[in-house]
Amino acid sequence: MQLPAKVAGTSIASVRGGTRMNLYTAGIDLVRSELIALGPEGPYRLTVNYGKGSIVEYFHHVNAALAREAEIEQLMRAARGVPVGKGVAA
């Protein structure tokens, strides 16, 4: 599986052996995603908090979790009319 292109946001920390947090805006919503390693080599829990609720998913491999995180970010931005690839880091 190939990881999607980098999307805008602020990444904090590393996921291996810990937590990775990403903050970004999607329209007027502030979105926070958090990827937590539940063990030394996984599994991994991805939690995405946004204005209307939360999404929680579990993964066996970190690359799958990172790819899904990027996919959700792109979907959030597209649903709110934010052009994909536009943002602070773009």
C-alpha atoms as a PDB file:
ATOM      1  CA  MET A   1       0.000   0.000   0.000  1.00  0.00           C
ATOM      2  CA  GLN A   2       1.361   3.401  -0.973  1.00  0.00           C
ATOM      3  CA  LEU A   3       0.870   6.261   1.465  1.00  0.00           C
ATOM      4  CA  PRO A   4      -1.083   9.263   0.176  1.00  0.00           C
ATOM      5  CA  ALA A   5       0.636  12.561  -0.521  1.00  0.00           C
ATOM      6  CA  LYS A   6       1.389  14.753   2.492  1.00  0.00           C
ATOM      7  CA  VAL A   7      -1.502  16.939   3.592  1.00  0.00           C
ATOM      8  CA  ALA A   8      -1.452  20.162   5.587  1.00  0.00           C
ATOM      9  CA  GLY A   9      -1.556  20.073   9.366  1.00  0.00           C
ATOM     10  CA  THR A  10       0.569  20.248  12.488  1.00  0.00           C
ATOM     11  CA  SER A  11       2.085  16.942  13.490  1.00  0.00           C
ATOM     12  CA  ILE A  12       3.224  16.421  17.071  1.00  0.00           C
ATOM     13  CA  ALA A  13       5.309  13.454  18.304  1.00  0.00           C
ATOM     14  CA  SER A  14       6.096  10.054  16.814  1.00  0.00           C
ATOM     15  CA  VAL A  15       3.753   7.079  16.598  1.00  0.00           C
ATOM     16  CA  ARG A  16       6.278   4.286  17.190  1.00  0.00           C
ATOM     17  CA  GLY A  17       6.024   3.372  20.850  1.00  0.00           C
ATOM     18  CA  GLY A  18       3.770   6.294  21.693  1.00  0.00           C
ATOM     19  CA  THR A  19       1.358   8.871  20.357  1.00  0.00           C
ATOM     20  CA  ARG A  20       1.110  11.033  17.249  1.00  0.00           C
ATOM     21  CA  MET A  21      -1.238  13.988  17.179  1.00  0.00           C
ATOM     22  CA  ASN A  22      -2.287  16.049  14.156  1.00  0.00           C
ATOM     23  CA  LEU A  23      -4.257  19.326  14.256  1.00  0.00           C
ATOM     24  CA  TYR A  24      -5.837  21.012  11.249  1.00  0.00           C
ATOM     25  CA  THR A  25      -8.855  23.036  10.219  1.00  0.00           C
ATOM     26  CA  ALA A  26     -11.519  21.807   7.848  1.00  0.00           C
ATOM     27  CA  GLY A  27     -13.643  24.806   7.030  1.00  0.00           C
ATOM     28  CA  ILE A  28     -14.580  26.333  10.390  1.00  0.00           C
ATOM     29  CA  ASP A  29     -13.984  23.075  12.314  1.00  0.00           C
ATOM     30  CA  LEU A  30     -10.811  22.366  14.263  1.00  0.00           C
ATOM     31  CA  VAL A  31      -9.993  18.684  13.794  1.00  0.00           C
ATOM     32  CA  ARG A  32      -7.648  16.716  16.054  1.00  0.00           C
ATOM     33  CA  SER A  33      -6.461  13.262  15.147  1.00  0.00           C
ATOM     34  CA  GLU A  34      -4.537  11.096  17.556  1.00  0.00           C
ATOM     35  CA  LEU A  35      -2.758   7.859  16.682  1.00  0.00           C
ATOM     36  CA  ILE A  36      -1.766   5.737  19.671  1.00  0.00           C
ATOM     37  CA  ALA A  37       0.331   2.571  19.726  1.00  0.00           C
ATOM     38  CA  LEU A  38      -1.443   0.226  22.131  1.00  0.00           C
ATOM     39  CA  GLY A  39       1.625  -2.011  22.340  1.00  0.00           C
ATOM     40  CA  PRO A  40       5.314  -1.877  21.377  1.00  0.00           C
ATOM     41  CA  GLU A  41       4.499  -2.976  17.795  1.00  0.00           C
ATOM     42  CA  GLY A  42       0.779  -2.253  17.678  1.00  0.00           C
ATOM     43  CA  PRO A  43      -2.120  -2.522  17.381  1.00  0.00           C
ATOM     44  CA  TYR A  44      -2.856   1.165  16.752  1.00  0.00           C
ATOM     45  CA  ARG A  45      -5.907   3.248  17.613  1.00  0.00           C
ATOM     46  CA  LEU A  46      -6.793   6.243  15.436  1.00  0.00           C
ATOM     47  CA  THR A  47      -9.181   8.791  16.988  1.00  0.00           C
ATOM     48  CA  VAL A  48     -10.391  11.787  14.976  1.00  0.00           C
ATOM     49  CA  ASN A  49     -12.301  14.448  16.951  1.00  0.00           C
ATOM     50  CA  TYR A  50     -14.210  17.112  15.053  1.00  0.00           C
ATOM     51  CA  GLY A  51     -17.113  19.516  15.643  1.00  0.00           C
ATOM     52  CA  LYS A  52     -19.896  16.935  15.344  1.00  0.00           C
ATOM     53  CA  GLY A  53     -18.308  13.915  17.002  1.00  0.00           C
ATOM     54  CA  SER A  54     -15.485  11.400  16.848  1.00  0.00           C
ATOM     55  CA  ILE A  55     -14.259   8.577  14.629  1.00  0.00           C
ATOM     56  CA  VAL A  56     -12.354   5.704  16.267  1.00  0.00           C
ATOM     57  CA  GLU A  57     -10.689   2.943  14.237  1.00  0.00           C
ATOM     58  CA  TYR A  58      -8.138   0.216  15.052  1.00  0.00           C
ATOM     59  CA  PHE A  59      -5.288  -1.071  12.854  1.00  0.00           C
ATOM     60  CA  HIS A  60      -2.708  -3.860  12.974  1.00  0.00           C
ATOM     61  CA  HIS A  61      -0.099  -1.847  11.046  1.00  0.00           C
ATOM     62  CA  VAL A  62       0.978   1.767  11.495  1.00  0.00           C
ATOM     63  CA  ASN A  63       1.132   2.432   7.731  1.00  0.00           C
ATOM     64  CA  ALA A  64      -2.532   1.493   7.352  1.00  0.00           C
ATOM     65  CA  ALA A  65      -3.456   3.823  10.221  1.00  0.00           C
ATOM     66  CA  LEU A  66      -1.443   6.716   8.730  1.00  0.00           C
ATOM     67  CA  ALA A  67      -2.996   6.178   5.305  1.00  0.00           C
ATOM     68  CA  ARG A  68      -6.495   6.188   6.821  1.00  0.00           C
ATOM     69  CA  GLU A  69      -5.699   9.332   8.823  1.00  0.00           C
ATOM     70  CA  ALA A  70      -4.699  11.118   5.599  1.00  0.00           C
ATOM     71  CA  GLU A  71      -7.827   9.818   3.846  1.00  0.00           C
ATOM     72  CA  ILE A  72     -10.110  11.100   6.629  1.00  0.00           C
ATOM     73  CA  GLU A  73      -8.367  14.488   6.554  1.00  0.00           C
ATOM     74  CA  GLN A  74      -8.926  14.784   2.808  1.00  0.00           C
ATOM     75  CA  LEU A  75     -12.590  13.755   3.201  1.00  0.00           C
ATOM     76  CA  MET A  76     -13.135  16.283   6.019  1.00  0.00           C
ATOM     77  CA  ARG A  77     -11.635  19.088   3.964  1.00  0.00           C
ATOM     78  CA  ALA A  78     -13.542  18.159   0.793  1.00  0.00           C
ATOM     79  CA  ALA A  79     -16.861  17.926   2.678  1.00  0.00           C
ATOM     80  CA  ARG A  80     -16.344  21.477   3.920  1.00  0.00           C
ATOM     81  CA  GLY A  81     -15.304  22.911   0.562  1.00  0.00           C
ATOM     82  CA  VAL A  82     -11.593  23.245   1.356  1.00  0.00           C
ATOM     83  CA  PRO A  83      -9.508  22.505  -1.773  1.00  0.00           C
ATOM     84  CA  VAL A  84      -7.358  19.395  -1.293  1.00  0.00           C
ATOM     85  CA  GLY A  85      -3.674  20.278  -0.992  1.00  0.00           C
ATOM     86  CA  LYS A  86      -4.357  23.818   0.202  1.00  0.00           C
ATOM     87  CA  GLY A  87      -3.285  24.859   3.665  1.00  0.00           C
ATOM     88  CA  VAL A  88      -0.407  26.088   5.759  1.00  0.00           C
ATOM     89  CA  ALA A  89       2.034  23.358   4.717  1.00  0.00           C
ATOM     90  CA  ALA A  90       0.913  23.134   1.082  1.00  0.00           C
END
